[in-house]
Amino acid sequence: MTVTDLPTTGERADLLQSLALHRGFLRHTVGGLTDEQAARRTTVSELCLGGLIKHVAGVEERWLRFVVEGPAAMHADPDSWTDQFRMSAGETLTGLLDRYADVAQRTDELVVTLDLDVTRPLPSAPWFPPGARWSVRRVLLHVIAETAQHAGHADIIREALDGQRTMG
């Protein structure tokens, strides 16, 4: 089953179109880069373009597992936190983009089928209020915001790398 096989209108179509737009900006920003360029840090932060693709794919995947499985799906190894922002030995930009495309397809299929009003308790974390719950809709809005924010980061990193900009 693919998203194009299912009728998507209204709110679901809007959510999917917004997410696709920001994914497209992010993917466009890394277009034409070598693996070395994608792994290069161009600012004082730890971020590199390949790492941003890796991070956004991981975040999207984890949040969509959360809406299906609940808060236990959000568990992540604290030691791997910084690794998600950089390309590891053997990783390629093409491989990271392929994984991101797979994650995106699974997300899109879920958006078409899930009840957007279902809520899940957020995992215990200092940045979430105790007892807070998010709906599937709220999770999707968060994923869209996260993707858009990191597309902006990617634009800055790319401009510092070779002067190219996604827009403008």
Protein backbone atom coordinates (compact mmCIF):
# COMPACT_ATOMS: atom_id res chain seq x y z
CA MET A 1 0.00 0.00 0.00
CA THR A 2 1.26 3.47 -0.80
CA VAL A 3 -0.16 6.83 0.17
CA THR A 4 -1.24 7.45 -3.40
CA ASP A 5 -3.49 4.37 -3.19
CA LEU A 6 -5.57 5.93 -0.41
CA PRO A 7 -7.77 9.00 -0.69
CA THR A 8 -6.29 11.82 1.35
CA THR A 9 -8.17 15.07 1.73
CA GLY A 10 -8.70 17.85 4.21
CA GLU A 11 -6.56 17.96 7.30
CA ARG A 12 -4.59 14.82 6.48
CA ALA A 13 -3.71 16.17 3.05
CA ASP A 14 -2.64 19.48 4.61
CA LEU A 15 -0.42 17.74 7.15
CA LEU A 16 1.17 15.51 4.51
CA GLN A 17 1.71 18.40 2.09
CA SER A 18 3.33 20.55 4.79
CA LEU A 19 5.62 17.72 5.86
CA ALA A 20 6.51 16.94 2.23
CA LEU A 21 7.34 20.62 1.60
CA HIS A 22 9.82 20.80 4.47
CA ARG A 23 11.30 17.40 3.70
CA GLY A 24 11.79 18.64 0.14
CA PHE A 25 13.62 21.76 1.33
CA LEU A 26 15.93 19.61 3.45
CA ARG A 27 16.60 17.12 0.65
CA HIS A 28 17.16 19.94 -1.86
CA THR A 29 19.69 21.58 0.44
CA VAL A 30 21.97 18.53 0.34
CA GLY A 31 21.63 18.01 -3.41
CA GLY A 32 24.86 17.53 -5.33
CA LEU A 33 27.08 17.11 -2.28
CA THR A 34 29.77 14.51 -1.81
CA ASP A 35 29.88 12.40 1.31
CA GLU A 36 32.85 14.42 2.52
CA GLN A 37 30.95 17.69 2.08
CA ALA A 38 27.86 16.25 3.80
CA ALA A 39 29.99 15.23 6.79
CA ARG A 40 31.79 18.56 7.12
CA ARG A 41 30.99 20.92 9.99
CA THR A 42 30.89 24.51 8.73
CA THR A 43 29.85 26.27 11.94
CA VAL A 44 30.86 26.05 15.60
CA SER A 45 28.02 23.59 16.23
CA GLU A 46 28.32 19.82 15.92
CA LEU A 47 25.86 19.83 13.02
CA CYS A 48 26.70 18.67 9.54
CA LEU A 49 24.30 18.19 6.63
CA GLY A 50 24.43 14.40 6.63
CA GLY A 51 23.93 14.42 10.38
CA LEU A 52 20.84 16.59 10.03
CA ILE A 53 19.32 14.13 7.56
CA LYS A 54 20.15 11.29 9.96
CA HIS A 55 18.70 13.17 12.93
CA VAL A 56 15.46 14.23 11.22
CA ALA A 57 14.86 10.68 9.96
CA GLY A 58 15.46 9.29 13.44
CA VAL A 59 13.22 11.85 15.13
CA GLU A 60 10.39 11.27 12.65
CA GLU A 61 10.70 7.52 13.01
CA ARG A 62 10.76 7.66 16.83
CA TRP A 63 7.75 10.00 17.08
CA LEU A 64 5.67 7.87 14.72
CA ARG A 65 6.58 4.76 16.70
CA PHE A 66 5.40 6.72 19.75
CA VAL A 67 1.93 7.27 18.26
CA VAL A 68 1.65 3.55 17.55
CA GLU A 69 3.45 1.99 20.52
CA GLY A 70 3.38 4.66 23.25
CA PRO A 71 6.09 6.32 25.33
CA ALA A 72 8.42 3.31 25.52
CA ALA A 73 9.15 3.82 21.79
CA MET A 74 10.84 7.12 22.63
CA HIS A 75 13.66 5.51 24.60
CA ALA A 76 17.03 6.38 23.15
CA ASP A 77 20.55 5.59 24.29
CA PRO A 78 21.97 8.83 25.74
CA ASP A 79 25.43 7.90 24.44
CA SER A 80 24.11 7.92 20.87
CA TRP A 81 22.65 11.44 21.13
CA THR A 82 25.62 13.27 19.59
CA ASP A 83 26.18 10.52 17.01
CA GLN A 84 22.81 11.27 15.44
CA PHE A 85 24.08 14.70 14.37
CA ARG A 86 27.13 13.47 12.47
CA MET A 87 27.92 10.96 9.80
CA SER A 88 29.60 7.84 11.16
CA ALA A 89 32.31 5.89 9.38
CA GLY A 90 30.80 4.01 6.46
CA GLU A 91 27.65 6.15 6.23
CA THR A 92 26.94 7.84 2.93
CA LEU A 93 24.68 10.73 2.09
CA THR A 94 22.85 8.50 -0.39
CA GLY A 95 22.29 5.87 2.29
CA LEU A 96 21.01 8.47 4.77
CA LEU A 97 18.67 9.95 2.15
CA ASP A 98 17.37 6.47 1.26
CA ARG A 99 16.65 5.75 4.92
CA TYR A 100 14.91 9.13 5.24
CA ALA A 101 12.74 8.30 2.21
CA ASP A 102 11.78 4.96 3.80
CA VAL A 103 10.88 6.65 7.08
CA ALA A 104 8.86 9.29 5.20
CA GLN A 105 6.91 6.66 3.29
CA ARG A 106 6.02 4.79 6.50
CA THR A 107 4.98 8.06 8.15
CA ASP A 108 2.80 9.04 5.22
CA GLU A 109 1.08 5.65 5.26
CA LEU A 110 0.37 6.02 8.98
CA VAL A 111 -0.98 9.57 8.62
CA VAL A 112 -3.56 8.28 6.16
CA THR A 113 -4.75 5.53 8.51
CA LEU A 114 -4.38 6.77 12.10
CA ASP A 115 -7.01 8.52 14.19
CA LEU A 116 -5.55 12.00 14.63
CA ASP A 117 -7.40 12.48 17.94
CA VAL A 118 -5.85 9.50 19.76
CA THR A 119 -3.54 10.65 22.56
CA ARG A 120 -0.55 9.07 24.22
CA PRO A 121 1.17 10.03 27.48
CA LEU A 122 4.47 11.74 26.83
CA PRO A 123 7.55 10.05 28.23
CA SER A 124 8.99 11.42 31.43
CA ALA A 125 11.46 14.17 30.51
CA PRO A 126 12.39 17.56 31.95
CA TRP A 127 11.03 19.34 28.87
CA PHE A 128 7.54 17.76 29.06
CA PRO A 129 5.04 18.75 31.76
CA PRO A 130 4.23 15.85 34.09
CA GLY A 131 1.20 13.91 32.91
CA ALA A 132 1.07 15.61 29.50
CA ARG A 133 -0.44 13.79 26.54
CA TRP A 134 -0.10 14.48 22.84
CA SER A 135 -2.52 13.56 20.11
CA VAL A 136 -1.36 12.03 16.85
CA ARG A 137 -2.14 15.44 15.31
CA ARG A 138 0.13 17.21 17.83
CA VAL A 139 2.92 14.74 17.15
CA LEU A 140 2.63 15.38 13.40
CA LEU A 141 2.74 19.13 13.97
CA HIS A 142 5.87 18.62 16.06
CA VAL A 143 7.51 16.52 13.33
CA ILE A 144 6.66 19.21 10.76
CA ALA A 145 8.14 21.92 13.00
CA GLU A 146 11.26 19.86 13.69
CA THR A 147 11.75 19.20 9.97
CA ALA A 148 11.27 22.88 9.09
CA GLN A 149 13.66 24.01 11.83
CA HIS A 150 16.37 21.62 10.70
CA ALA A 151 15.84 22.54 7.04
CA GLY A 152 16.72 26.09 8.11
CA HIS A 153 19.81 24.84 9.92
CA ALA A 154 20.79 22.89 6.82
CA ASP A 155 20.43 26.01 4.67
CA ILE A 156 22.89 27.89 6.90
CA ILE A 157 25.36 25.01 6.92
CA ARG A 158 25.15 24.63 3.13
CA GLU A 159 25.67 28.36 2.56
CA ALA A 160 28.75 28.25 4.80
CA LEU A 161 29.98 25.17 2.91
CA ASP A 162 29.83 26.42 -0.67
CA GLY A 163 27.65 29.50 -0.88
CA GLN A 164 24.58 27.61 -2.11
CA ARG A 165 21.20 28.43 -0.58
CA THR A 166 17.93 26.55 -0.70
CA MET A 167 15.95 29.73 -1.29
CA GLY A 168 16.94 33.19 -2.37
